[in-house]
PDB file of N, CA and C in Angstrom:
ATOM      1  N   MET A   1     147.906 249.487 111.064  1.00  0.00           N
ATOM      2  CA  MET A   1     147.071 248.639 111.889  1.00  0.00           C
ATOM      3  C   MET A   1     147.848 248.254 113.145  1.00  0.00           C
ATOM      4  N   GLN A   2     147.138 248.225 114.252  1.00  0.00           N
ATOM      5  CA  GLN A   2     147.738 247.871 115.536  1.00  0.00           C
ATOM      6  C   GLN A   2     147.749 246.342 115.668  1.00  0.00           C
ATOM      7  N   PRO A   3     148.941 245.728 115.826  1.00  0.00           N
ATOM      8  CA  PRO A   3     149.002 244.268 115.942  1.00  0.00           C
ATOM      9  C   PRO A   3     148.493 243.785 117.300  1.00  0.00           C
ATOM     10  N   ILE A   4     148.085 242.538 117.345  1.00  0.00           N
ATOM     11  CA  ILE A   4     147.616 241.934 118.584  1.00  0.00           C
ATOM     12  C   ILE A   4     148.795 241.775 119.549  1.00  0.00           C
ATOM     13  N   ALA A   5     148.526 241.878 120.820  1.00  0.00           N
ATOM     14  CA  ALA A   5     149.569 241.720 121.833  1.00  0.00           C
ATOM     15  C   ALA A   5     150.045 240.271 121.863  1.00  0.00           C
ATOM     16  N   THR A   6     151.332 240.089 122.077  1.00  0.00           N
ATOM     17  CA  THR A   6     151.872 238.742 122.184  1.00  0.00           C
ATOM     18  C   THR A   6     151.855 238.252 123.633  1.00  0.00           C
ATOM     19  N   ALA A   7     151.586 239.146 124.564  1.00  0.00           N
ATOM     20  CA  ALA A   7     151.425 238.786 125.975  1.00  0.00           C
ATOM     21  C   ALA A   7     150.442 239.771 126.592  1.00  0.00           C
ATOM     22  N   PHE A   8     149.495 239.249 127.373  1.00  0.00           N
ATOM     23  CA  PHE A   8     148.529 240.115 128.045  1.00  0.00           C
ATOM     24  C   PHE A   8     147.888 239.345 129.192  1.00  0.00           C
ATOM     25  N   GLU A   9     147.207 240.074 130.064  1.00  0.00           N
ATOM     26  CA  GLU A   9     146.468 239.484 131.173  1.00  0.00           C
ATOM     27  C   GLU A   9     145.006 239.858 131.038  1.00  0.00           C
ATOM     28  N   GLU A  10     144.148 238.907 131.386  1.00  0.00           N
ATOM     29  CA  GLU A  10     142.722 239.174 131.399  1.00  0.00           C
ATOM     30  C   GLU A  10     142.091 238.296 132.465  1.00  0.00           C
ATOM     31  N   GLY A  11     141.376 238.924 133.382  1.00  0.00           N
ATOM     32  CA  GLY A  11     140.744 238.168 134.451  1.00  0.00           C
ATOM     33  C   GLY A  11     141.768 237.410 135.280  1.00  0.00           C
ATOM     34  N   ARG A  12     141.558 236.108 135.416  1.00  0.00           N
ATOM     35  CA  ARG A  12     142.431 235.277 136.242  1.00  0.00           C
ATOM     36  C   ARG A  12     143.588 234.651 135.463  1.00  0.00           C
ATOM     37  N   PHE A  13     143.797 235.090 134.212  1.00  0.00           N
ATOM     38  CA  PHE A  13     144.776 234.409 133.372  1.00  0.00           C
ATOM     39  C   PHE A  13     145.816 235.340 132.757  1.00  0.00           C
ATOM     40  N   ARG A  14     146.988 234.754 132.472  1.00  0.00           N
ATOM     41  CA  ARG A  14     148.045 235.388 131.673  1.00  0.00           C
ATOM     42  C   ARG A  14     148.090 234.645 130.346  1.00  0.00           C
ATOM     43  N   TYR A  15     148.251 235.388 129.277  1.00  0.00           N
ATOM     44  CA  TYR A  15     148.318 234.798 127.945  1.00  0.00           C
ATOM     45  C   TYR A  15     149.643 235.172 127.293  1.00  0.00           C
ATOM     46  N   THR A  16     150.274 234.170 126.673  1.00  0.00           N
ATOM     47  CA  THR A  16     151.524 234.384 125.962  1.00  0.00           C
ATOM     48  C   THR A  16     151.431 233.683 124.618  1.00  0.00           C
ATOM     49  N   GLN A  17     151.678 234.438 123.551  1.00  0.00           N
ATOM     50  CA  GLN A  17     151.644 233.844 122.214  1.00  0.00           C
ATOM     51  C   GLN A  17     152.864 232.944 122.036  1.00  0.00           C
ATOM     52  N   LEU A  18     152.628 231.691 121.656  1.00  0.00           N
ATOM     53  CA  LEU A  18     153.707 230.741 121.435  1.00  0.00           C
ATOM     54  C   LEU A  18     154.060 230.615 119.959  1.00  0.00           C
ATOM     55  N   GLU A  19     153.041 230.658 119.110  1.00  0.00           N
ATOM     56  CA  GLU A  19     153.238 230.493 117.665  1.00  0.00           C
ATOM     57  C   GLU A  19     152.182 231.300 116.931  1.00  0.00           C
ATOM     58  N   ARG A  20     152.551 231.703 115.705  1.00  0.00           N
ATOM     59  CA  ARG A  20     151.576 232.353 114.835  1.00  0.00           C
ATOM     60  C   ARG A  20     151.937 232.065 113.395  1.00  0.00           C
ATOM     61  N   HIS A  21     150.929 231.634 112.640  1.00  0.00           N
ATOM     62  CA  HIS A  21     151.087 231.392 111.215  1.00  0.00           C
ATOM     63  C   HIS A  21     149.913 232.090 110.535  1.00  0.00           C
ATOM     64  N   GLY A  22     150.188 233.197 109.877  1.00  0.00           N
ATOM     65  CA  GLY A  22     149.101 233.962 109.272  1.00  0.00           C
ATOM     66  C   GLY A  22     148.182 234.493 110.354  1.00  0.00           C
ATOM     67  N   ASP A  23     146.889 234.182 110.236  1.00  0.00           N
ATOM     68  CA  ASP A  23     145.937 234.676 111.234  1.00  0.00           C
ATOM     69  C   ASP A  23     145.595 233.622 112.292  1.00  0.00           C
ATOM     70  N   ILE A  24     146.317 232.499 112.306  1.00  0.00           N
ATOM     71  CA  ILE A  24     146.111 231.459 113.312  1.00  0.00           C
ATOM     72  C   ILE A  24     147.244 231.539 114.340  1.00  0.00           C
ATOM     73  N   ALA A  25     146.882 231.618 115.619  1.00  0.00           N
ATOM     74  CA  ALA A  25     147.898 231.722 116.672  1.00  0.00           C
ATOM     75  C   ALA A  25     147.574 230.757 117.810  1.00  0.00           C
ATOM     76  N   ILE A  26     148.634 230.357 118.504  1.00  0.00           N
ATOM     77  CA  ILE A  26     148.490 229.549 119.711  1.00  0.00           C
ATOM     78  C   ILE A  26     148.996 230.383 120.881  1.00  0.00           C
ATOM     79  N   TYR A  27     148.146 230.517 121.892  1.00  0.00           N
ATOM     80  CA  TYR A  27     148.504 231.226 123.114  1.00  0.00           C
ATOM     81  C   TYR A  27     148.509 230.249 124.279  1.00  0.00           C
ATOM     82  N   GLU A  28     149.485 230.393 125.159  1.00  0.00           N
ATOM     83  CA  GLU A  28     149.476 229.661 126.411  1.00  0.00           C
ATOM     84  C   GLU A  28     148.631 230.463 127.388  1.00  0.00           C
ATOM     85  N   GLN A  29     147.712 229.784 128.061  1.00  0.00           N
ATOM     86  CA  GLN A  29     146.865 230.410 129.077  1.00  0.00           C
ATOM     87  C   GLN A  29     147.309 229.867 130.431  1.00  0.00           C
ATOM     88  N   GLN A  30     147.808 230.740 131.298  1.00  0.00           N
ATOM     89  CA  GLN A  30     148.299 230.318 132.607  1.00  0.00           C
ATOM     90  C   GLN A  30     147.458 230.975 133.690  1.00  0.00           C
ATOM     91  N   HIS A  31     147.000 230.167 134.639  1.00  0.00           N
ATOM     92  CA  HIS A  31     146.199 230.675 135.743  1.00  0.00           C
ATOM     93  C   HIS A  31     147.108 231.487 136.671  1.00  0.00           C
ATOM     94  N   LYS A  32     146.698 232.697 137.028  1.00  0.00           N
ATOM     95  CA  LYS A  32     147.516 233.568 137.880  1.00  0.00           C
ATOM     96  C   LYS A  32     147.704 232.998 139.280  1.00  0.00           C
ATOM     97  N   GLU A  33     146.652 232.432 139.869  1.00  0.00           N
ATOM     98  CA  GLU A  33     146.729 231.947 141.246  1.00  0.00           C
ATOM     99  C   GLU A  33     147.431 230.598 141.356  1.00  0.00           C
ATOM    100  N   ASP A  34     147.406 229.813 140.286  1.00  0.00           N
ATOM    101  CA  ASP A  34     148.071 228.506 140.285  1.00  0.00           C
ATOM    102  C   ASP A  34     148.785 228.343 138.944  1.00  0.00           C
ATOM    103  N   PRO A  35     150.032 228.832 138.845  1.00  0.00           N
ATOM    104  CA  PRO A  35     150.771 228.805 137.582  1.00  0.00           C
ATOM    105  C   PRO A  35     150.939 227.413 136.972  1.00  0.00           C
ATOM    106  N   ALA A  36     150.698 226.356 137.753  1.00  0.00           N
ATOM    107  CA  ALA A  36     150.794 225.000 137.205  1.00  0.00           C
ATOM    108  C   ALA A  36     149.598 224.675 136.298  1.00  0.00           C
ATOM    109  N   VAL A  37     148.527 225.463 136.395  1.00  0.00           N
ATOM    110  CA  VAL A  37     147.340 225.238 135.564  1.00  0.00           C
ATOM    111  C   VAL A  37     147.553 225.965 134.244  1.00  0.00           C
ATOM    112  N   ILE A  38     147.813 225.177 133.200  1.00  0.00           N
ATOM    113  CA  ILE A  38     148.104 225.740 131.876  1.00  0.00           C
ATOM    114  C   ILE A  38     147.196 225.079 130.846  1.00  0.00           C
ATOM    115  N   ARG A  39     146.646 225.892 129.981  1.00  0.00           N
ATOM    116  CA  ARG A  39     145.874 225.440 128.821  1.00  0.00           C
ATOM    117  C   ARG A  39     146.464 226.161 127.609  1.00  0.00           C
ATOM    118  N   PHE A  40     145.984 225.775 126.444  1.00  0.00           N
ATOM    119  CA  PHE A  40     146.456 226.400 125.209  1.00  0.00           C
ATOM    120  C   PHE A  40     145.242 226.812 124.392  1.00  0.00           C
ATOM    121  N   GLU A  41     145.276 228.030 123.891  1.00  0.00           N
ATOM    122  CA  GLU A  41     144.158 228.530 123.095  1.00  0.00           C
ATOM    123  C   GLU A  41     144.620 228.718 121.661  1.00  0.00           C
ATOM    124  N   VAL A  42     143.843 228.157 120.750  1.00  0.00           N
ATOM    125  CA  VAL A  42     144.085 228.306 119.317  1.00  0.00           C
ATOM    126  C   VAL A  42     143.057 229.312 118.836  1.00  0.00           C
ATOM    127  N   VAL A  43     143.536 230.396 118.234  1.00  0.00           N
ATOM    128  CA  VAL A  43     142.622 231.469 117.841  1.00  0.00           C
ATOM    129  C   VAL A  43     142.859 231.896 116.394  1.00  0.00           C
ATOM    130  N   ARG A  44     141.766 232.321 115.773  1.00  0.00           N
ATOM    131  CA  ARG A  44     141.850 232.949 114.454  1.00  0.00           C
ATOM    132  C   ARG A  44     141.760 234.454 114.715  1.00  0.00           C
ATOM    133  N   ILE A  45     142.843 235.136 114.469  1.00  0.00           N
ATOM    134  CA  ILE A  45     142.920 236.578 114.721  1.00  0.00           C
ATOM    135  C   ILE A  45     142.148 237.306 113.626  1.00  0.00           C
ATOM    136  N   ARG A  46     141.316 238.212 114.036  1.00  0.00           N
ATOM    137  CA  ARG A  46     140.509 239.021 113.114  1.00  0.00           C
ATOM    138  C   ARG A  46     140.983 240.469 113.151  1.00  0.00           C
ATOM    139  N   VAL A  47     140.542 241.249 112.175  1.00  0.00           N
ATOM    140  CA  VAL A  47     140.861 242.674 112.139  1.00  0.00           C
ATOM    141  C   VAL A  47     139.595 243.447 112.491  1.00  0.00           C
ATOM    142  N   SER A  48     139.695 244.268 113.530  1.00  0.00           N
ATOM    143  CA  SER A  48     138.598 245.165 113.902  1.00  0.00           C
ATOM    144  C   SER A  48     138.831 246.493 113.206  1.00  0.00           C
ATOM    145  N   PRO A  49     137.843 246.998 112.491  1.00  0.00           N
ATOM    146  CA  PRO A  49     138.030 248.263 111.784  1.00  0.00           C
ATOM    147  C   PRO A  49     138.141 249.450 112.739  1.00  0.00           C
ATOM    148  N   GLU A  50     138.660 250.536 112.224  1.00  0.00           N
ATOM    149  CA  GLU A  50     138.711 251.779 112.996  1.00  0.00           C
ATOM    150  C   GLU A  50     137.292 252.113 113.442  1.00  0.00           C
ATOM    151  N   HIS A  51     137.175 252.653 114.674  1.00  0.00           N
ATOM    152  CA  HIS A  51     135.851 252.981 115.204  1.00  0.00           C
ATOM    153  C   HIS A  51     135.895 254.357 115.852  1.00  0.00           C
ATOM    154  N   THR A  52     134.914 255.197 115.523  1.00  0.00           N
ATOM    155  CA  THR A  52     134.770 256.504 116.153  1.00  0.00           C
ATOM    156  C   THR A  52     133.648 256.413 117.184  1.00  0.00           C
ATOM    157  N   TRP A  53     133.974 256.740 118.428  1.00  0.00           N
ATOM    158  CA  TRP A  53     133.032 256.676 119.527  1.00  0.00           C
ATOM    159  C   TRP A  53     132.198 257.963 119.573  1.00  0.00           C
ATOM    160  N   PRO A  54     131.041 257.924 120.257  1.00  0.00           N
ATOM    161  CA  PRO A  54     130.174 259.113 120.312  1.00  0.00           C
ATOM    162  C   PRO A  54     130.880 260.365 120.845  1.00  0.00           C
ATOM    163  N   ASN A  55     131.894 260.191 121.708  1.00  0.00           N
ATOM    164  CA  ASN A  55     132.588 261.364 122.245  1.00  0.00           C
ATOM    165  C   ASN A  55     133.681 261.876 121.302  1.00  0.00           C
ATOM    166  N   GLY A  56     133.833 261.221 120.133  1.00  0.00           N
ATOM    167  CA  GLY A  56     134.821 261.666 119.155  1.00  0.00           C
ATOM    168  C   GLY A  56     136.145 260.914 119.205  1.00  0.00           C
ATOM    169  N   ASP A  57     136.375 260.153 120.273  1.00  0.00           N
ATOM    170  CA  ASP A  57     137.598 259.347 120.346  1.00  0.00           C
ATOM    171  C   ASP A  57     137.576 258.311 119.227  1.00  0.00           C
ATOM    172  N   VAL A  58     138.772 257.992 118.722  1.00  0.00           N
ATOM    173  CA  VAL A  58     138.886 257.026 117.638  1.00  0.00           C
ATOM    174  C   VAL A  58     139.771 255.863 118.092  1.00  0.00           C
ATOM    175  N   SER A  59     139.257 254.653 117.930  1.00  0.00           N
ATOM    176  CA  SER A  59     140.059 253.449 118.149  1.00  0.00           C
ATOM    177  C   SER A  59     140.595 253.044 116.785  1.00  0.00           C
ATOM    178  N   PRO A  60     141.903 252.857 116.665  1.00  0.00           N
ATOM    179  CA  PRO A  60     142.472 252.529 115.352  1.00  0.00           C
ATOM    180  C   PRO A  60     142.114 251.109 114.911  1.00  0.00           C
ATOM    181  N   GLU A  61     142.284 250.850 113.632  1.00  0.00           N
ATOM    182  CA  GLU A  61     142.140 249.492 113.125  1.00  0.00           C
ATOM    183  C   GLU A  61     143.137 248.618 113.876  1.00  0.00           C
ATOM    184  N   ARG A  62     142.687 247.424 114.291  1.00  0.00           N
ATOM    185  CA  ARG A  62     143.572 246.594 115.106  1.00  0.00           C
ATOM    186  C   ARG A  62     143.235 245.125 114.933  1.00  0.00           C
ATOM    187  N   GLU A  63     144.239 244.288 115.234  1.00  0.00           N
ATOM    188  CA  GLU A  63     144.003 242.858 115.284  1.00  0.00           C
ATOM    189  C   GLU A  63     143.312 242.553 116.609  1.00  0.00           C
ATOM    190  N   ALA A  64     142.425 241.548 116.609  1.00  0.00           N
ATOM    191  CA  ALA A  64     141.644 241.272 117.808  1.00  0.00           C
ATOM    192  C   ALA A  64     141.569 239.779 118.111  1.00  0.00           C
ATOM    193  N   TYR A  65     141.627 239.465 119.394  1.00  0.00           N
ATOM    194  CA  TYR A  65     141.446 238.114 119.926  1.00  0.00           C
ATOM    195  C   TYR A  65     139.950 237.823 119.903  1.00  0.00           C
ATOM    196  N   PRO A  66     139.528 236.618 119.599  1.00  0.00           N
ATOM    197  CA  PRO A  66     138.085 236.333 119.581  1.00  0.00           C
ATOM    198  C   PRO A  66     137.451 236.524 120.964  1.00  0.00           C
ATOM    199  N   GLY A  67     136.254 237.027 120.978  1.00  0.00           N
ATOM    200  CA  GLY A  67     135.508 237.182 122.217  1.00  0.00           C
ATOM    201  C   GLY A  67     134.802 235.891 122.592  1.00  0.00           C
ATOM    202  N   ALA A  68     134.193 235.877 123.759  1.00  0.00           N
ATOM    203  CA  ALA A  68     133.523 234.678 124.286  1.00  0.00           C
ATOM    204  C   ALA A  68     132.424 234.183 123.343  1.00  0.00           C
ATOM    205  N   SER A  69     131.701 235.088 122.699  1.00  0.00           N
ATOM    206  CA  SER A  69     130.597 234.671 121.828  1.00  0.00           C
ATOM    207  C   SER A  69     131.084 233.986 120.552  1.00  0.00           C
ATOM    208  N   ALA A  70     132.370 234.140 120.217  1.00  0.00           N
ATOM    209  CA  ALA A  70     132.936 233.511 119.018  1.00  0.00           C
ATOM    210  C   ALA A  70     133.666 232.209 119.349  1.00  0.00           C
ATOM    211  N   TRP A  71     133.679 231.846 120.649  1.00  0.00           N
ATOM    212  CA  TRP A  71     134.414 230.629 121.044  1.00  0.00           C
ATOM    213  C   TRP A  71     133.732 229.413 120.445  1.00  0.00           C
ATOM    214  N   GLY A  72     134.527 228.517 119.905  1.00  0.00           N
ATOM    215  CA  GLY A  72     133.991 227.352 119.217  1.00  0.00           C
ATOM    216  C   GLY A  72     133.947 227.556 117.717  1.00  0.00           C
ATOM    217  N   ARG A  73     134.061 228.806 117.273  1.00  0.00           N
ATOM    218  CA  ARG A  73     134.150 229.125 115.845  1.00  0.00           C
ATOM    219  C   ARG A  73     135.500 229.737 115.515  1.00  0.00           C
ATOM    220  N   LEU A  74     135.935 230.713 116.338  1.00  0.00           N
ATOM    221  CA  LEU A  74     137.193 231.422 116.086  1.00  0.00           C
ATOM    222  C   LEU A  74     138.232 231.178 117.172  1.00  0.00           C
ATOM    223  N   GLY A  75     137.840 230.536 118.250  1.00  0.00           N
ATOM    224  CA  GLY A  75     138.761 230.257 119.348  1.00  0.00           C
ATOM    225  C   GLY A  75     138.436 228.921 119.992  1.00  0.00           C
ATOM    226  N   PHE A  76     139.500 228.225 120.402  1.00  0.00           N
ATOM    227  CA  PHE A  76     139.351 226.878 120.957  1.00  0.00           C
ATOM    228  C   PHE A  76     140.346 226.692 122.090  1.00  0.00           C
ATOM    229  N   THR A  77     139.942 225.966 123.133  1.00  0.00           N
ATOM    230  CA  THR A  77     140.831 225.667 124.249  1.00  0.00           C
ATOM    231  C   THR A  77     141.280 224.212 124.157  1.00  0.00           C
ATOM    232  N   CYS A  78     142.590 224.003 124.286  1.00  0.00           N
ATOM    233  CA  CYS A  78     143.181 222.662 124.239  1.00  0.00           C
ATOM    234  C   CYS A  78     143.934 222.404 125.538  1.00  0.00           C
ATOM    235  N   PHE A  79     144.091 221.129 125.884  1.00  0.00           N
ATOM    236  CA  PHE A  79     144.755 220.773 127.132  1.00  0.00           C
ATOM    237  C   PHE A  79     146.238 220.470 126.965  1.00  0.00           C
ATOM    238  N   THR A  80     146.687 220.253 125.710  1.00  0.00           N
ATOM    239  CA  THR A  80     148.111 220.014 125.464  1.00  0.00           C
ATOM    240  C   THR A  80     148.567 220.865 124.288  1.00  0.00           C
ATOM    241  N   LEU A  81     149.851 221.157 124.270  1.00  0.00           N
ATOM    242  CA  LEU A  81     150.415 221.918 123.156  1.00  0.00           C
ATOM    243  C   LEU A  81     150.317 221.111 121.864  1.00  0.00           C
ATOM    244  N   GLU A  82     150.506 219.810 121.952  1.00  0.00           N
ATOM    245  CA  GLU A  82     150.405 218.956 120.763  1.00  0.00           C
ATOM    246  C   GLU A  82     149.006 219.040 120.155  1.00  0.00           C
ATOM    247  N   GLU A  83     147.985 218.976 121.011  1.00  0.00           N
ATOM    248  CA  GLU A  83     146.604 219.093 120.550  1.00  0.00           C
ATOM    249  C   GLU A  83     146.379 220.462 119.897  1.00  0.00           C
ATOM    250  N   ALA A  84     146.928 221.504 120.495  1.00  0.00           N
ATOM    251  CA  ALA A  84     146.775 222.856 119.953  1.00  0.00           C
ATOM    252  C   ALA A  84     147.462 222.974 118.589  1.00  0.00           C
ATOM    253  N   ARG A  85     148.646 222.411 118.457  1.00  0.00           N
ATOM    254  CA  ARG A  85     149.365 222.472 117.170  1.00  0.00           C
ATOM    255  C   ARG A  85     148.617 221.718 116.081  1.00  0.00           C
ATOM    256  N   THR A  86     148.036 220.575 116.439  1.00  0.00           N
ATOM    257  CA  THR A  86     147.258 219.802 115.465  1.00  0.00           C
ATOM    258  C   THR A  86     146.046 220.599 115.007  1.00  0.00           C
ATOM    259  N   LEU A  87     145.331 221.194 115.950  1.00  0.00           N
ATOM    260  CA  LEU A  87     144.157 221.999 115.622  1.00  0.00           C
ATOM    261  C   LEU A  87     144.549 223.211 114.783  1.00  0.00           C
ATOM    262  N   ALA A  88     145.634 223.884 115.149  1.00  0.00           N
ATOM    263  CA  ALA A  88     146.091 225.047 114.385  1.00  0.00           C
ATOM    264  C   ALA A  88     146.408 224.658 112.946  1.00  0.00           C
ATOM    265  N   ALA A  89     147.050 223.524 112.749  1.00  0.00           N
ATOM    266  CA  ALA A  89     147.373 223.053 111.393  1.00  0.00           C
ATOM    267  C   ALA A  89     146.088 222.765 110.609  1.00  0.00           C
ATOM    268  N   GLN A  90     145.091 222.189 111.266  1.00  0.00           N
ATOM    269  CA  GLN A  90     143.814 221.917 110.603  1.00  0.00           C
ATOM    270  C   GLN A  90     143.123 223.214 110.199  1.00  0.00           C
ATOM    271  N   LEU A  91     143.139 224.201 111.087  1.00  0.00           N
ATOM    272  CA  LEU A  91     142.512 225.492 110.768  1.00  0.00           C
ATOM    273  C   LEU A  91     143.242 226.189 109.633  1.00  0.00           C
ATOM    274  N   GLN A  92     144.579 226.088 109.626  1.00  0.00           N
ATOM    275  CA  GLN A  92     145.367 226.700 108.553  1.00  0.00           C
ATOM    276  C   GLN A  92     145.055 226.019 107.220  1.00  0.00           C
ATOM    277  N   ALA A  93     144.956 224.683 107.222  1.00  0.00           N
ATOM    278  CA  ALA A  93     144.627 223.946 106.001  1.00  0.00           C
ATOM    279  C   ALA A  93     143.223 224.303 105.515  1.00  0.00           C
ATOM    280  N   GLN A  94     142.299 224.436 106.455  1.00  0.00           N
ATOM    281  CA  GLN A  94     140.927 224.814 106.101  1.00  0.00           C
ATOM    282  C   GLN A  94     140.913 226.205 105.468  1.00  0.00           C
ATOM    283  N   ALA A  95     141.666 227.130 106.038  1.00  0.00           N
ATOM    284  CA  ALA A  95     141.731 228.492 105.487  1.00  0.00           C
ATOM    285  C   ALA A  95     142.319 228.473 104.084  1.00  0.00           C
ATOM    286  N   THR A  96     143.314 227.622 103.862  1.00  0.00           N
ATOM    287  CA  THR A  96     143.928 227.515 102.534  1.00  0.00           C
ATOM    288  C   THR A  96     142.918 226.976 101.528  1.00  0.00           C
ATOM    289  N   LEU A  97     142.136 225.962 101.933  1.00  0.00           N
ATOM    290  CA  LEU A  97     141.100 225.420 101.048  1.00  0.00           C
ATOM    291  C   LEU A  97     140.034 226.461 100.746  1.00  0.00           C
ATOM    292  N   GLU A  98     139.615 227.205 101.778  1.00  0.00           N
ATOM    293  CA  GLU A  98     138.608 228.240 101.583  1.00  0.00           C
ATOM    294  C   GLU A  98     139.125 229.316 100.643  1.00  0.00           C
ATOM    295  N   GLN A  99     140.410 229.671 100.768  1.00  0.00           N
ATOM    296  CA  GLN A  99     141.009 230.666  99.869  1.00  0.00           C
ATOM    297  C   GLN A  99     140.999 230.136  98.444  1.00  0.00           C
ATOM    298  N   GLY A 100     141.283 228.842  98.292  1.00  0.00           N
ATOM    299  CA  GLY A 100     141.245 228.225  96.964  1.00  0.00           C
ATOM    300  C   GLY A 100     139.860 228.273  96.370  1.00  0.00           C
ATOM    301  N   ASP A 101     138.828 228.040  97.211  1.00  0.00           N
ATOM    302  CA  ASP A 101     137.443 228.123  96.746  1.00  0.00           C
ATOM    303  C   ASP A 101     137.108 229.534  96.307  1.00  0.00           C
ATOM    304  N   GLU A 102     137.590 230.529  97.058  1.00  0.00           N
ATOM    305  CA  GLU A 102     137.339 231.926  96.688  1.00  0.00           C
ATOM    306  C   GLU A 102     138.002 232.245  95.357  1.00  0.00           C
ATOM    307  N   ASP A 103     139.240 231.786  95.171  1.00  0.00           N
ATOM    308  CA  ASP A 103     139.949 232.040  93.925  1.00  0.00           C
ATOM    309  C   ASP A 103     139.244 231.360  92.753  1.00  0.00           C
ATOM    310  N   ALA A 104     138.674 230.163  92.994  1.00  0.00           N
ATOM    311  CA  ALA A 104     138.007 229.434  91.923  1.00  0.00           C
ATOM    312  C   ALA A 104     136.797 230.206  91.412  1.00  0.00           C
ATOM    313  N   GLY A 105     136.137 230.966  92.273  1.00  0.00           N
ATOM    314  CA  GLY A 105     134.988 231.745  91.855  1.00  0.00           C
ATOM    315  C   GLY A 105     135.344 233.133  91.364  1.00  0.00           C
ATOM    316  N   ASP A 106     136.621 233.481  91.370  1.00  0.00           N
ATOM    317  CA  ASP A 106     137.085 234.807  90.976  1.00  0.00           C
ATOM    318  C   ASP A 106     137.450 234.794  89.501  1.00  0.00           C
ATOM    319  N   PRO A 107     136.685 235.507  88.649  1.00  0.00           N
ATOM    320  CA  PRO A 107     136.977 235.481  87.212  1.00  0.00           C
ATOM    321  C   PRO A 107     138.337 236.086  86.864  1.00  0.00           C
ATOM    322  N   THR A 108     138.930 236.855  87.784  1.00  0.00           N
ATOM    323  CA  THR A 108     140.245 237.437  87.497  1.00  0.00           C
ATOM    324  C   THR A 108     141.371 236.511  87.915  1.00  0.00           C
ATOM    325  N   HIS A 109     141.037 235.410  88.618  1.00  0.00           N
ATOM    326  CA  HIS A 109     142.057 234.469  89.071  1.00  0.00           C
ATOM    327  C   HIS A 109     142.365 233.490  87.950  1.00  0.00           C
ATOM    328  N   THR A 110     143.619 233.395  87.596  1.00  0.00           N
ATOM    329  CA  THR A 110     144.044 232.454  86.565  1.00  0.00           C
ATOM    330  C   THR A 110     144.984 231.441  87.187  1.00  0.00           C
ATOM    331  N   PRO A 111     144.582 230.170  87.246  1.00  0.00           N
ATOM    332  CA  PRO A 111     145.478 229.171  87.817  1.00  0.00           C
ATOM    333  C   PRO A 111     146.750 229.045  86.995  1.00  0.00           C
ATOM    334  N   LYS A 112     147.856 228.772  87.649  1.00  0.00           N
ATOM    335  CA  LYS A 112     149.149 228.609  86.984  1.00  0.00           C
ATOM    336  C   LYS A 112     149.273 227.179  86.480  1.00  0.00           C
ATOM    337  N   LEU A 113     149.846 227.021  85.313  1.00  0.00           N
ATOM    338  CA  LEU A 113     150.085 225.706  84.741  1.00  0.00           C
ATOM    339  C   LEU A 113     151.399 225.154  85.301  1.00  0.00           C
ATOM    340  N   ASP A 114     151.569 223.837  85.261  1.00  0.00           N
ATOM    341  CA  ASP A 114     152.799 223.218  85.699  1.00  0.00           C
ATOM    342  C   ASP A 114     153.982 223.883  85.013  1.00  0.00           C
ATOM    343  N   GLY A 115     154.976 224.265  85.828  1.00  0.00           N
ATOM    344  CA  GLY A 115     156.183 224.866  85.287  1.00  0.00           C
ATOM    345  C   GLY A 115     156.070 226.360  85.053  1.00  0.00           C
ATOM    346  N   GLU A 116     154.872 226.934  85.171  1.00  0.00           N
ATOM    347  CA  GLU A 116     154.684 228.369  84.955  1.00  0.00           C
ATOM    348  C   GLU A 116     155.014 229.108  86.236  1.00  0.00           C
ATOM    349  N   ASN A 117     155.726 230.230  86.132  1.00  0.00           N
ATOM    350  CA  ASN A 117     156.085 231.027  87.305  1.00  0.00           C
ATOM    351  C   ASN A 117     154.858 231.744  87.842  1.00  0.00           C
ATOM    352  N   ALA A 118     154.828 231.869  89.163  1.00  0.00           N
ATOM    353  CA  ALA A 118     153.703 232.547  89.817  1.00  0.00           C
ATOM    354  C   ALA A 118     153.763 234.032  89.596  1.00  0.00           C
TER     355      ALA A 118
END
């Protein structure tokens, strides 16, 4: 799988990954024309499957930054790094809870007892 870029440019902005924990990442967004204008984007990185185009070209499976239509669900803009870190921690905790809910409904999942090795 092709990993997501840790630095890239798009439109009027430069993006640099500052932190990543699992599929949650914080990117610094810097305006190209005025480098003093900085925001922070908290994103949930998704995996795009391999795709074969009509001309036969193949795009490999890759990690992907959320698109504009997913903003507010998979991507968020913050004005401070502290705000971004708080939001990232909340999203990570939410993902952990959701994973726990999935495991609870999985008949093959057996919770470990106190003192039992994982």
